[in-house]
Amino acid sequence: MKKNRVIQPKIATQSRKTLAPSHADIAAEATIIWERKGRPEGRDQEIWLEAERLLAKEIGNTETESDELDALFPSSSGGASTSL
């Protein structure tokens, strides 16, 4: 008699790190946060990172892109920063 093998879906074998919110999801969440805060000007990056962290936390992925950037480019302030 032949035994039936259970084949696990590929998603089950992927690491949590690969599960990240999409650009569109982050943009939508950032828009909600921006509107909730009264549509402030000049806080785009701060609001984007807040949305990214919030969505990453919801899916259980605490390592966000900004954390990865901090690891690659450490600064004395401790956070990823760019000049625009």
C-alpha atoms as a PDB file:
ATOM      1  CA  MET A   1       0.000   0.000   0.000  1.00  0.00           C
ATOM      2  CA  LYS A   2       1.301   3.437  -0.966  1.00  0.00           C
ATOM      3  CA  LYS A   3       1.528   6.131   1.741  1.00  0.00           C
ATOM      4  CA  ASN A   4       0.183   9.579   0.963  1.00  0.00           C
ATOM      5  CA  ARG A   5       2.783  12.272   1.459  1.00  0.00           C
ATOM      6  CA  VAL A   6       1.747  15.659   2.700  1.00  0.00           C
ATOM      7  CA  ILE A   7       3.326  18.435   0.678  1.00  0.00           C
ATOM      8  CA  GLN A   8       3.805  21.636   2.612  1.00  0.00           C
ATOM      9  CA  PRO A   9       3.018  24.860   0.756  1.00  0.00           C
ATOM     10  CA  LYS A  10       6.052  26.989  -0.072  1.00  0.00           C
ATOM     11  CA  ILE A  11       4.793  29.892   2.019  1.00  0.00           C
ATOM     12  CA  ALA A  12       5.064  27.744   5.138  1.00  0.00           C
ATOM     13  CA  THR A  13       8.787  27.308   4.586  1.00  0.00           C
ATOM     14  CA  GLN A  14       9.540  30.985   3.972  1.00  0.00           C
ATOM     15  CA  SER A  15      11.035  33.011   6.774  1.00  0.00           C
ATOM     16  CA  ARG A  16       9.027  35.749   8.483  1.00  0.00           C
ATOM     17  CA  LYS A  17      11.509  38.301   7.148  1.00  0.00           C
ATOM     18  CA  THR A  18      10.154  37.819   3.627  1.00  0.00           C
ATOM     19  CA  LEU A  19       6.683  38.792   4.792  1.00  0.00           C
ATOM     20  CA  ALA A  20       6.657  42.548   4.535  1.00  0.00           C
ATOM     21  CA  PRO A  21       3.981  45.096   3.770  1.00  0.00           C
ATOM     22  CA  SER A  22       3.859  46.195   0.153  1.00  0.00           C
ATOM     23  CA  HIS A  23       4.667  49.725  -0.978  1.00  0.00           C
ATOM     24  CA  ALA A  24       0.965  50.265  -1.733  1.00  0.00           C
ATOM     25  CA  ASP A  25      -0.056  49.066   1.748  1.00  0.00           C
ATOM     26  CA  ILE A  26       2.454  51.400   3.404  1.00  0.00           C
ATOM     27  CA  ALA A  27       1.328  54.318   1.233  1.00  0.00           C
ATOM     28  CA  ALA A  28      -2.324  53.724   2.126  1.00  0.00           C
ATOM     29  CA  GLU A  29      -1.548  53.489   5.854  1.00  0.00           C
ATOM     30  CA  ALA A  30       0.695  56.568   5.696  1.00  0.00           C
ATOM     31  CA  THR A  31      -2.146  58.524   4.087  1.00  0.00           C
ATOM     32  CA  ILE A  32      -4.495  57.529   6.911  1.00  0.00           C
ATOM     33  CA  ILE A  33      -1.925  58.548   9.538  1.00  0.00           C
ATOM     34  CA  TRP A  34      -1.179  61.819   7.701  1.00  0.00           C
ATOM     35  CA  GLU A  35      -4.881  62.719   7.578  1.00  0.00           C
ATOM     36  CA  ARG A  36      -5.410  61.717  11.214  1.00  0.00           C
ATOM     37  CA  LYS A  37      -2.549  64.052  12.218  1.00  0.00           C
ATOM     38  CA  GLY A  38      -4.141  66.990  10.390  1.00  0.00           C
ATOM     39  CA  ARG A  39      -2.173  66.707   7.118  1.00  0.00           C
ATOM     40  CA  PRO A  40       1.093  68.173   8.432  1.00  0.00           C
ATOM     41  CA  GLU A  41       3.711  69.349   5.953  1.00  0.00           C
ATOM     42  CA  GLY A  42       7.335  68.237   6.057  1.00  0.00           C
ATOM     43  CA  ARG A  43       6.758  65.051   8.060  1.00  0.00           C
ATOM     44  CA  ASP A  44       6.524  62.643   5.119  1.00  0.00           C
ATOM     45  CA  GLN A  45       9.429  60.410   6.106  1.00  0.00           C
ATOM     46  CA  GLU A  46       8.378  60.246   9.767  1.00  0.00           C
ATOM     47  CA  ILE A  47       4.805  59.282   8.831  1.00  0.00           C
ATOM     48  CA  TRP A  48       5.980  56.765   6.217  1.00  0.00           C
ATOM     49  CA  LEU A  49       8.240  55.026   8.759  1.00  0.00           C
ATOM     50  CA  GLU A  50       5.428  55.028  11.332  1.00  0.00           C
ATOM     51  CA  ALA A  51       3.111  53.335   8.813  1.00  0.00           C
ATOM     52  CA  GLU A  52       5.837  50.850   7.882  1.00  0.00           C
ATOM     53  CA  ARG A  53       6.455  49.923  11.530  1.00  0.00           C
ATOM     54  CA  LEU A  54       2.731  49.637  12.281  1.00  0.00           C
ATOM     55  CA  LEU A  55       2.073  47.298   9.353  1.00  0.00           C
ATOM     56  CA  ALA A  56       5.191  45.228  10.039  1.00  0.00           C
ATOM     57  CA  LYS A  57       4.069  44.814  13.642  1.00  0.00           C
ATOM     58  CA  GLU A  58       0.614  43.673  12.504  1.00  0.00           C
ATOM     59  CA  ILE A  59       2.087  40.844  10.433  1.00  0.00           C
ATOM     60  CA  GLY A  60       4.581  39.930  13.132  1.00  0.00           C
ATOM     61  CA  ASN A  61       7.655  41.162  11.296  1.00  0.00           C
ATOM     62  CA  THR A  62       9.476  43.528  13.624  1.00  0.00           C
ATOM     63  CA  GLU A  63      12.438  44.019  11.281  1.00  0.00           C
ATOM     64  CA  THR A  64      11.544  46.833   8.924  1.00  0.00           C
ATOM     65  CA  GLU A  65      13.506  48.345   6.068  1.00  0.00           C
ATOM     66  CA  SER A  66      14.565  51.211   8.331  1.00  0.00           C
ATOM     67  CA  ASP A  67      16.011  48.685  10.813  1.00  0.00           C
ATOM     68  CA  GLU A  68      17.974  47.113   7.971  1.00  0.00           C
ATOM     69  CA  LEU A  69      19.241  50.541   6.884  1.00  0.00           C
ATOM     70  CA  ASP A  70      20.299  51.318  10.458  1.00  0.00           C
ATOM     71  CA  ALA A  71      22.325  48.107  10.491  1.00  0.00           C
ATOM     72  CA  LEU A  72      23.986  48.933   7.171  1.00  0.00           C
ATOM     73  CA  PHE A  73      24.556  52.647   7.797  1.00  0.00           C
ATOM     74  CA  PRO A  74      24.799  53.304  11.536  1.00  0.00           C
ATOM     75  CA  SER A  75      24.798  56.925  12.614  1.00  0.00           C
ATOM     76  CA  SER A  76      25.491  58.634  15.901  1.00  0.00           C
ATOM     77  CA  SER A  77      21.763  59.467  16.208  1.00  0.00           C
ATOM     78  CA  GLY A  78      20.867  55.778  16.040  1.00  0.00           C
ATOM     79  CA  GLY A  79      18.233  56.119  13.321  1.00  0.00           C
ATOM     80  CA  ALA A  80      18.171  55.970   9.558  1.00  0.00           C
ATOM     81  CA  SER A  81      18.280  59.493   8.216  1.00  0.00           C
ATOM     82  CA  THR A  82      18.468  61.075   4.842  1.00  0.00           C
ATOM     83  CA  SER A  83      18.721  64.658   3.692  1.00  0.00           C
ATOM     84  CA  LEU A  84      16.235  65.618   1.061  1.00  0.00           C
END
